[in-house]
């Protein structure tokens, strides 16, 4: 499942009461792990957020079904801002748009999305877009392809290895 499709899914407690929506995902990108999932609850003027772990998820289909009861959800620490529930720079919105470089500083493209398994807490692949508006192509990389992450993502791949993997 793409992370961008997962964000926005409705979340139900184990009694099938709607408790909110997936608002954001926090990642450990270098280890290809989903750290936690941040759920928004309440209306526009009184929105609060709480984080869940993979152990809190029963199933994921058209909805996210939790192992938590209404009391369990209410017992989670509720925060005023999404950023309070995750380490700085670990949110999906912080990672999308990061510039990706191949070895020797050659620009490959930007991160556009990720294939994730939220229940298993895994990032299966990171999707990078390359090229311009009219000749956009995509590249998928795994954790073993990543050398370092900071303001940029540096791959262990050479420019030639990247070009071999690019899909239309």
N, C-alpha and C. Protein backbone atom coordinates (compact mmCIF):
# COMPACT_ATOMS: atom_id res chain seq x y z
N UNK A 1 0.84 -1.17 0.00
CA UNK A 1 0.00 0.00 0.00
C UNK A 1 0.89 1.24 0.00
N UNK A 2 0.50 2.24 -0.78
CA UNK A 2 1.25 3.49 -0.78
C UNK A 2 0.94 4.28 0.48
N UNK A 3 1.96 4.93 1.02
CA UNK A 3 1.78 5.74 2.23
C UNK A 3 0.76 6.85 1.97
N UNK A 4 0.80 7.44 0.77
CA UNK A 4 -0.12 8.52 0.45
C UNK A 4 -1.58 8.05 0.43
N UNK A 5 -1.82 6.78 0.14
CA UNK A 5 -3.18 6.23 0.17
C UNK A 5 -3.61 5.86 1.58
N UNK A 6 -2.64 5.48 2.41
CA UNK A 6 -2.93 5.11 3.79
C UNK A 6 -3.34 6.33 4.61
N UNK A 7 -2.64 7.45 4.38
CA UNK A 7 -2.99 8.69 5.08
C UNK A 7 -4.37 9.12 4.62
N UNK A 8 -5.24 9.36 5.58
CA UNK A 8 -6.62 9.74 5.29
C UNK A 8 -7.62 8.62 5.51
N UNK A 9 -7.13 7.39 5.71
CA UNK A 9 -8.05 6.27 5.96
C UNK A 9 -8.76 6.45 7.30
N UNK A 10 -10.03 6.05 7.34
CA UNK A 10 -10.79 6.11 8.59
C UNK A 10 -10.31 5.02 9.53
N UNK A 11 -10.33 5.34 10.83
CA UNK A 11 -9.85 4.43 11.86
C UNK A 11 -11.02 4.09 12.79
N UNK A 12 -11.19 2.78 13.03
CA UNK A 12 -12.26 2.29 13.89
C UNK A 12 -11.67 1.56 15.09
N UNK A 13 -12.32 1.72 16.26
CA UNK A 13 -11.88 0.95 17.43
C UNK A 13 -12.43 -0.47 17.32
N UNK A 14 -12.12 -1.33 18.30
CA UNK A 14 -12.52 -2.73 18.16
C UNK A 14 -14.01 -2.96 18.29
N UNK A 15 -14.76 -1.94 18.74
CA UNK A 15 -16.23 -2.02 18.76
C UNK A 15 -16.81 -1.38 17.50
N UNK A 16 -15.96 -1.11 16.51
CA UNK A 16 -16.30 -0.50 15.21
C UNK A 16 -16.85 0.92 15.32
N UNK A 17 -16.44 1.65 16.33
CA UNK A 17 -16.77 3.07 16.43
C UNK A 17 -15.68 3.85 15.73
N UNK A 18 -16.07 4.82 14.92
CA UNK A 18 -15.06 5.64 14.23
C UNK A 18 -14.36 6.53 15.25
N UNK A 19 -13.04 6.46 15.27
CA UNK A 19 -12.27 7.26 16.24
C UNK A 19 -11.48 8.38 15.56
N UNK A 20 -11.35 8.35 14.25
CA UNK A 20 -10.63 9.40 13.55
C UNK A 20 -10.11 8.94 12.21
N UNK A 21 -9.07 9.61 11.74
CA UNK A 21 -8.44 9.29 10.46
C UNK A 21 -6.94 9.26 10.64
N UNK A 22 -6.27 8.50 9.76
CA UNK A 22 -4.81 8.49 9.75
C UNK A 22 -4.38 9.88 9.27
N UNK A 23 -3.67 10.61 10.12
CA UNK A 23 -3.25 11.97 9.78
C UNK A 23 -1.82 12.01 9.25
N UNK A 24 -0.97 11.11 9.74
CA UNK A 24 0.44 11.16 9.38
C UNK A 24 1.10 9.86 9.77
N UNK A 25 2.28 9.62 9.23
CA UNK A 25 3.07 8.43 9.56
C UNK A 25 4.47 8.91 9.91
N UNK A 26 5.02 8.34 10.97
CA UNK A 26 6.39 8.65 11.37
C UNK A 26 7.27 7.46 10.99
N UNK A 27 8.43 7.76 10.36
CA UNK A 27 9.31 6.72 9.84
C UNK A 27 10.69 6.78 10.44
N UNK A 28 11.34 5.62 10.42
CA UNK A 28 12.79 5.52 10.58
C UNK A 28 13.26 5.09 9.20
N UNK A 29 13.49 6.07 8.33
CA UNK A 29 13.74 5.80 6.91
C UNK A 29 14.97 4.94 6.70
N UNK A 30 16.05 5.21 7.42
CA UNK A 30 17.30 4.46 7.21
C UNK A 30 17.10 2.97 7.51
N UNK A 31 16.22 2.66 8.47
CA UNK A 31 15.97 1.26 8.83
C UNK A 31 14.73 0.71 8.12
N UNK A 32 14.09 1.54 7.29
CA UNK A 32 12.87 1.17 6.57
C UNK A 32 11.77 0.67 7.51
N UNK A 33 11.55 1.44 8.57
CA UNK A 33 10.53 1.07 9.55
C UNK A 33 9.51 2.19 9.72
N UNK A 34 8.25 1.79 9.90
CA UNK A 34 7.21 2.72 10.31
C UNK A 34 7.32 2.80 11.82
N UNK A 35 7.58 3.99 12.33
CA UNK A 35 7.77 4.14 13.78
C UNK A 35 6.42 4.17 14.49
N UNK A 36 5.53 5.05 14.06
CA UNK A 36 4.17 5.06 14.58
C UNK A 36 3.25 5.74 13.59
N UNK A 37 1.97 5.59 13.83
CA UNK A 37 0.93 6.14 12.97
C UNK A 37 0.16 7.14 13.81
N UNK A 38 -0.01 8.33 13.28
CA UNK A 38 -0.66 9.40 14.04
C UNK A 38 -2.08 9.55 13.52
N UNK A 39 -3.02 9.47 14.47
CA UNK A 39 -4.45 9.53 14.18
C UNK A 39 -4.98 10.89 14.61
N UNK A 40 -5.80 11.50 13.76
CA UNK A 40 -6.45 12.75 14.14
C UNK A 40 -7.86 12.42 14.60
N UNK A 41 -8.31 13.13 15.60
CA UNK A 41 -9.65 12.94 16.13
C UNK A 41 -10.24 14.30 16.45
N UNK A 42 -11.55 14.39 16.46
CA UNK A 42 -12.21 15.66 16.74
C UNK A 42 -12.48 16.45 15.48
N UNK A 43 -13.11 17.60 15.66
CA UNK A 43 -13.46 18.45 14.53
C UNK A 43 -12.38 19.46 14.22
N UNK A 44 -12.68 20.35 13.29
CA UNK A 44 -11.71 21.34 12.83
C UNK A 44 -11.20 22.22 13.96
N UNK A 45 -12.08 22.65 14.83
CA UNK A 45 -11.69 23.57 15.90
C UNK A 45 -11.12 22.88 17.15
N UNK A 46 -11.38 21.60 17.31
CA UNK A 46 -10.89 20.90 18.51
C UNK A 46 -10.12 19.64 18.15
N UNK A 47 -9.35 19.70 17.06
CA UNK A 47 -8.61 18.54 16.57
C UNK A 47 -7.49 18.18 17.55
N UNK A 48 -7.38 16.88 17.83
CA UNK A 48 -6.31 16.33 18.66
C UNK A 48 -5.70 15.16 17.91
N UNK A 49 -4.52 14.76 18.34
CA UNK A 49 -3.79 13.67 17.68
C UNK A 49 -3.30 12.69 18.73
N UNK A 50 -3.24 11.42 18.34
CA UNK A 50 -2.61 10.42 19.19
C UNK A 50 -1.90 9.42 18.30
N UNK A 51 -0.88 8.80 18.86
CA UNK A 51 -0.05 7.87 18.09
C UNK A 51 -0.41 6.43 18.44
N UNK A 52 -0.38 5.57 17.43
CA UNK A 52 -0.56 4.14 17.65
C UNK A 52 0.65 3.41 17.09
N UNK A 53 0.87 2.22 17.59
CA UNK A 53 1.95 1.35 17.12
C UNK A 53 1.35 0.20 16.33
N UNK A 54 2.19 -0.58 15.68
CA UNK A 54 1.66 -1.70 14.89
C UNK A 54 0.89 -2.69 15.76
N UNK A 55 1.23 -2.84 17.03
CA UNK A 55 0.52 -3.76 17.91
C UNK A 55 -0.92 -3.31 18.17
N UNK A 56 -1.21 -2.03 17.95
CA UNK A 56 -2.56 -1.50 18.14
C UNK A 56 -3.47 -1.77 16.95
N UNK A 57 -2.91 -2.25 15.84
CA UNK A 57 -3.68 -2.47 14.61
C UNK A 57 -4.12 -3.94 14.52
N UNK A 58 -5.43 -4.14 14.37
CA UNK A 58 -5.96 -5.49 14.18
C UNK A 58 -5.91 -5.87 12.70
N UNK A 59 -6.46 -5.01 11.85
CA UNK A 59 -6.52 -5.27 10.41
C UNK A 59 -6.52 -3.96 9.64
N UNK A 60 -6.12 -4.05 8.38
CA UNK A 60 -6.20 -2.90 7.48
C UNK A 60 -6.85 -3.38 6.19
N UNK A 61 -7.94 -2.74 5.83
CA UNK A 61 -8.64 -3.01 4.58
C UNK A 61 -9.05 -1.67 4.01
N UNK A 62 -10.34 -1.47 3.88
CA UNK A 62 -10.84 -0.15 3.49
C UNK A 62 -10.79 0.79 4.68
N UNK A 63 -10.71 0.23 5.88
CA UNK A 63 -10.59 0.98 7.13
C UNK A 63 -9.43 0.40 7.93
N UNK A 64 -8.97 1.17 8.90
CA UNK A 64 -7.96 0.68 9.84
C UNK A 64 -8.73 0.26 11.09
N UNK A 65 -8.68 -1.04 11.41
CA UNK A 65 -9.35 -1.56 12.60
C UNK A 65 -8.32 -1.73 13.70
N UNK A 66 -8.63 -1.14 14.85
CA UNK A 66 -7.70 -1.19 15.98
C UNK A 66 -8.03 -2.33 16.94
N UNK A 67 -7.02 -2.74 17.69
CA UNK A 67 -7.20 -3.68 18.80
C UNK A 67 -7.66 -2.96 20.06
N UNK A 68 -7.82 -1.66 19.98
CA UNK A 68 -8.14 -0.84 21.15
C UNK A 68 -9.64 -0.61 21.27
N UNK A 69 -10.12 -0.61 22.50
CA UNK A 69 -11.51 -0.25 22.76
C UNK A 69 -11.60 1.27 22.84
N UNK A 70 -12.80 1.78 23.01
CA UNK A 70 -12.99 3.23 23.15
C UNK A 70 -12.19 3.74 24.35
N UNK A 71 -12.18 2.97 25.42
CA UNK A 71 -11.41 3.34 26.61
C UNK A 71 -9.92 3.35 26.31
N UNK A 72 -9.46 2.37 25.55
CA UNK A 72 -8.05 2.31 25.17
C UNK A 72 -7.63 3.49 24.33
N UNK A 73 -8.49 3.91 23.42
CA UNK A 73 -8.21 5.08 22.58
C UNK A 73 -8.18 6.34 23.44
N UNK A 74 -9.15 6.45 24.34
CA UNK A 74 -9.20 7.63 25.22
C UNK A 74 -8.00 7.66 26.16
N UNK A 75 -7.44 6.50 26.48
CA UNK A 75 -6.28 6.42 27.36
C UNK A 75 -4.96 6.80 26.71
N UNK A 76 -4.95 6.88 25.38
CA UNK A 76 -3.73 7.31 24.66
C UNK A 76 -3.49 8.79 24.94
N UNK A 77 -2.23 9.18 24.97
CA UNK A 77 -1.90 10.59 25.15
C UNK A 77 -2.32 11.37 23.91
N UNK A 78 -3.18 12.36 24.09
CA UNK A 78 -3.66 13.17 22.98
C UNK A 78 -2.86 14.47 22.93
N UNK A 79 -2.42 14.83 21.73
CA UNK A 79 -1.55 15.99 21.53
C UNK A 79 -2.26 17.04 20.68
N UNK A 80 -1.80 18.28 20.80
CA UNK A 80 -2.38 19.37 20.02
C UNK A 80 -1.82 19.47 18.61
N UNK A 81 -0.57 19.00 18.41
CA UNK A 81 0.07 19.11 17.10
C UNK A 81 0.63 17.75 16.68
N UNK A 82 0.58 17.47 15.39
CA UNK A 82 1.13 16.23 14.84
C UNK A 82 2.61 16.11 15.20
N UNK A 83 3.33 17.20 15.07
CA UNK A 83 4.78 17.20 15.29
C UNK A 83 5.17 16.76 16.70
N UNK A 84 4.25 16.89 17.66
CA UNK A 84 4.55 16.49 19.05
C UNK A 84 4.57 14.97 19.21
N UNK A 85 4.08 14.24 18.20
CA UNK A 85 4.00 12.79 18.30
C UNK A 85 5.09 12.04 17.57
N UNK A 86 6.10 12.78 17.05
CA UNK A 86 7.14 12.11 16.26
C UNK A 86 8.44 12.90 16.33
N UNK A 87 9.56 12.21 16.18
CA UNK A 87 10.85 12.91 16.12
C UNK A 87 10.91 13.86 14.92
N UNK A 88 11.63 14.95 15.08
CA UNK A 88 11.76 15.96 14.02
C UNK A 88 12.29 15.32 12.73
N UNK A 89 11.62 15.64 11.62
CA UNK A 89 12.06 15.17 10.31
C UNK A 89 11.66 13.76 9.96
N UNK A 90 10.88 13.09 10.83
CA UNK A 90 10.53 11.69 10.58
C UNK A 90 9.15 11.49 9.96
N UNK A 91 8.39 12.57 9.81
CA UNK A 91 7.04 12.46 9.26
C UNK A 91 7.06 12.30 7.74
N UNK A 92 6.04 11.65 7.22
CA UNK A 92 5.91 11.45 5.78
C UNK A 92 6.03 12.77 5.03
N UNK A 93 5.36 13.81 5.54
CA UNK A 93 5.40 15.12 4.87
C UNK A 93 6.80 15.71 4.87
N UNK A 94 7.65 15.33 5.82
CA UNK A 94 9.04 15.82 5.87
C UNK A 94 9.93 15.07 4.87
N UNK A 95 9.57 13.84 4.57
CA UNK A 95 10.40 12.98 3.72
C UNK A 95 10.06 13.17 2.24
N UNK A 96 8.77 13.34 1.93
CA UNK A 96 8.35 13.54 0.54
C UNK A 96 8.96 14.85 0.04
N UNK A 97 9.58 14.78 -1.12
CA UNK A 97 10.21 15.96 -1.70
C UNK A 97 11.71 16.05 -1.44
N UNK A 98 12.23 15.17 -0.56
CA UNK A 98 13.68 15.18 -0.33
C UNK A 98 14.40 14.83 -1.62
N UNK A 99 15.49 15.55 -1.89
CA UNK A 99 16.30 15.30 -3.08
C UNK A 99 17.15 14.06 -2.83
N UNK A 100 17.21 13.19 -3.84
CA UNK A 100 17.96 11.94 -3.76
C UNK A 100 19.17 12.05 -4.68
N UNK A 101 20.34 11.68 -4.13
CA UNK A 101 21.59 11.75 -4.87
C UNK A 101 22.19 10.36 -5.03
N UNK A 102 22.76 10.11 -6.19
CA UNK A 102 23.53 8.87 -6.42
C UNK A 102 24.95 9.14 -5.93
N UNK A 103 25.80 8.15 -6.03
CA UNK A 103 27.20 8.32 -5.68
C UNK A 103 27.79 9.47 -6.48
N UNK A 104 28.79 10.10 -5.94
CA UNK A 104 29.50 11.22 -6.56
C UNK A 104 28.59 12.45 -6.71
N UNK A 105 27.51 12.53 -5.90
CA UNK A 105 26.68 13.73 -5.85
C UNK A 105 25.80 13.99 -7.05
N UNK A 106 25.52 12.98 -7.85
CA UNK A 106 24.66 13.16 -9.02
C UNK A 106 23.20 13.09 -8.59
N UNK A 107 22.41 14.13 -8.94
CA UNK A 107 21.00 14.17 -8.53
C UNK A 107 20.20 13.15 -9.33
N UNK A 108 19.40 12.35 -8.59
CA UNK A 108 18.57 11.31 -9.19
C UNK A 108 17.14 11.81 -9.35
N UNK A 109 16.61 12.46 -8.33
CA UNK A 109 15.23 12.92 -8.34
C UNK A 109 14.79 13.25 -6.93
N UNK A 110 13.48 13.10 -6.68
CA UNK A 110 12.91 13.40 -5.36
C UNK A 110 12.01 12.25 -4.91
N UNK A 111 11.94 12.07 -3.60
CA UNK A 111 11.04 11.07 -3.03
C UNK A 111 9.61 11.55 -3.24
N UNK A 112 8.77 10.68 -3.82
CA UNK A 112 7.37 11.04 -4.05
C UNK A 112 6.39 10.22 -3.21
N UNK A 113 6.79 9.02 -2.82
CA UNK A 113 5.88 8.17 -2.05
C UNK A 113 6.65 6.97 -1.53
N UNK A 114 5.96 6.08 -0.83
CA UNK A 114 6.56 4.85 -0.32
C UNK A 114 5.53 3.75 -0.34
N UNK A 115 6.00 2.52 -0.57
CA UNK A 115 5.14 1.36 -0.38
C UNK A 115 5.42 0.87 1.03
N UNK A 116 4.34 0.79 1.82
CA UNK A 116 4.50 0.43 3.23
C UNK A 116 3.60 -0.74 3.60
N UNK A 117 3.95 -1.38 4.70
CA UNK A 117 3.12 -2.37 5.36
C UNK A 117 2.92 -1.83 6.77
N UNK A 118 1.87 -1.01 6.99
CA UNK A 118 1.70 -0.38 8.30
C UNK A 118 1.53 -1.38 9.44
N UNK A 119 0.85 -2.48 9.16
CA UNK A 119 0.64 -3.48 10.21
C UNK A 119 1.95 -4.17 10.58
N UNK A 120 2.81 -4.40 9.61
CA UNK A 120 4.10 -5.00 9.86
C UNK A 120 5.18 -3.99 10.19
N UNK A 121 4.80 -2.71 10.17
CA UNK A 121 5.72 -1.61 10.48
C UNK A 121 6.91 -1.54 9.53
N UNK A 122 6.70 -1.82 8.26
CA UNK A 122 7.81 -1.85 7.31
C UNK A 122 7.58 -0.89 6.15
N UNK A 123 8.69 -0.35 5.65
CA UNK A 123 8.70 0.36 4.38
C UNK A 123 9.25 -0.64 3.39
N UNK A 124 8.46 -1.02 2.41
CA UNK A 124 8.93 -1.99 1.42
C UNK A 124 9.82 -1.35 0.37
N UNK A 125 9.42 -0.19 -0.13
CA UNK A 125 10.20 0.53 -1.14
C UNK A 125 9.92 2.02 -1.03
N UNK A 126 10.91 2.81 -1.40
CA UNK A 126 10.76 4.25 -1.50
C UNK A 126 10.67 4.58 -2.98
N UNK A 127 9.69 5.40 -3.36
CA UNK A 127 9.48 5.75 -4.76
C UNK A 127 10.10 7.12 -5.03
N UNK A 128 10.96 7.17 -6.05
CA UNK A 128 11.64 8.40 -6.43
C UNK A 128 11.20 8.75 -7.84
N UNK A 129 10.81 10.02 -8.04
CA UNK A 129 10.48 10.46 -9.40
C UNK A 129 11.71 11.13 -10.00
N UNK A 130 11.93 10.87 -11.26
CA UNK A 130 13.05 11.46 -11.99
C UNK A 130 12.51 12.13 -13.24
N UNK A 131 13.28 13.00 -13.83
CA UNK A 131 12.86 13.64 -15.07
C UNK A 131 11.96 14.83 -14.81
N UNK A 132 11.58 15.49 -15.90
CA UNK A 132 10.73 16.67 -15.82
C UNK A 132 9.26 16.32 -15.89
N UNK A 133 8.45 17.35 -16.05
CA UNK A 133 6.99 17.20 -16.07
C UNK A 133 6.51 16.26 -17.16
N UNK A 134 7.09 16.36 -18.35
CA UNK A 134 6.59 15.59 -19.48
C UNK A 134 7.32 14.27 -19.71
N UNK A 135 8.43 14.07 -19.02
CA UNK A 135 9.17 12.80 -19.18
C UNK A 135 9.47 12.18 -17.82
N UNK A 136 8.48 12.24 -16.93
CA UNK A 136 8.64 11.72 -15.57
C UNK A 136 8.74 10.20 -15.58
N UNK A 137 9.70 9.70 -14.84
CA UNK A 137 9.90 8.27 -14.68
C UNK A 137 10.10 7.99 -13.20
N UNK A 138 10.01 6.71 -12.82
CA UNK A 138 10.06 6.36 -11.41
C UNK A 138 11.10 5.29 -11.13
N UNK A 139 11.64 5.36 -9.94
CA UNK A 139 12.64 4.43 -9.46
C UNK A 139 12.23 3.98 -8.07
N UNK A 140 12.31 2.69 -7.80
CA UNK A 140 12.02 2.19 -6.46
C UNK A 140 13.32 1.70 -5.84
N UNK A 141 13.52 2.11 -4.57
CA UNK A 141 14.72 1.69 -3.85
C UNK A 141 14.32 1.05 -2.53
N UNK A 142 15.19 0.22 -2.01
CA UNK A 142 14.99 -0.44 -0.72
C UNK A 142 16.01 0.11 0.28
N UNK A 143 15.89 -0.30 1.52
CA UNK A 143 16.78 0.21 2.57
C UNK A 143 18.25 -0.08 2.29
N UNK A 144 18.55 -1.21 1.67
CA UNK A 144 19.95 -1.54 1.40
C UNK A 144 20.57 -0.64 0.33
N UNK A 145 19.73 0.12 -0.40
CA UNK A 145 20.24 1.06 -1.40
C UNK A 145 20.58 2.42 -0.81
N UNK A 146 20.19 2.67 0.44
CA UNK A 146 20.39 3.98 1.07
C UNK A 146 21.70 3.99 1.85
N UNK A 147 22.54 4.97 1.54
CA UNK A 147 23.80 5.12 2.26
C UNK A 147 23.63 6.04 3.46
N UNK A 148 22.99 7.21 3.25
CA UNK A 148 22.86 8.18 4.33
C UNK A 148 21.63 9.05 4.09
N UNK A 149 21.10 9.60 5.19
CA UNK A 149 19.93 10.48 5.11
C UNK A 149 20.19 11.67 6.00
N UNK A 150 19.99 12.83 5.44
CA UNK A 150 20.09 14.09 6.17
C UNK A 150 19.17 15.07 5.46
N UNK A 151 19.72 16.20 5.04
CA UNK A 151 18.94 17.11 4.21
C UNK A 151 18.67 16.49 2.84
N UNK A 152 19.53 15.56 2.45
CA UNK A 152 19.41 14.82 1.20
C UNK A 152 19.44 13.33 1.51
N UNK A 153 19.01 12.52 0.55
CA UNK A 153 19.14 11.08 0.66
C UNK A 153 20.25 10.68 -0.31
N UNK A 154 21.27 10.01 0.20
CA UNK A 154 22.38 9.57 -0.64
C UNK A 154 22.28 8.05 -0.81
N UNK A 155 22.31 7.62 -2.06
CA UNK A 155 22.21 6.20 -2.38
C UNK A 155 23.59 5.57 -2.48
N UNK A 156 23.62 4.26 -2.32
CA UNK A 156 24.85 3.49 -2.53
C UNK A 156 25.06 3.19 -4.01
N UNK A 157 24.11 3.60 -4.83
CA UNK A 157 24.12 3.28 -6.26
C UNK A 157 24.85 4.34 -7.07
N UNK A 158 25.45 3.93 -8.17
CA UNK A 158 26.05 4.87 -9.12
C UNK A 158 24.94 5.36 -10.04
N UNK A 159 25.24 6.40 -10.79
CA UNK A 159 24.26 6.94 -11.74
C UNK A 159 23.85 5.87 -12.77
N UNK A 160 24.81 5.06 -13.22
CA UNK A 160 24.49 4.00 -14.18
C UNK A 160 23.56 2.95 -13.57
N UNK A 161 23.79 2.57 -12.31
CA UNK A 161 22.92 1.59 -11.64
C UNK A 161 21.51 2.15 -11.47
N UNK A 162 21.41 3.44 -11.19
CA UNK A 162 20.11 4.10 -11.06
C UNK A 162 19.38 4.05 -12.40
N UNK A 163 20.05 4.40 -13.47
CA UNK A 163 19.42 4.42 -14.79
C UNK A 163 18.92 3.05 -15.22
N UNK A 164 19.60 1.98 -14.80
CA UNK A 164 19.15 0.62 -15.12
C UNK A 164 17.84 0.27 -14.43
N UNK A 165 17.57 0.89 -13.28
CA UNK A 165 16.36 0.58 -12.49
C UNK A 165 15.16 1.46 -12.81
N UNK A 166 15.35 2.52 -13.53
CA UNK A 166 14.26 3.48 -13.78
C UNK A 166 13.18 2.85 -14.63
N UNK A 167 11.90 3.07 -14.18
CA UNK A 167 10.72 2.56 -14.90
C UNK A 167 9.98 3.74 -15.52
N UNK A 168 9.32 3.50 -16.65
CA UNK A 168 8.47 4.55 -17.26
C UNK A 168 7.20 4.69 -16.50
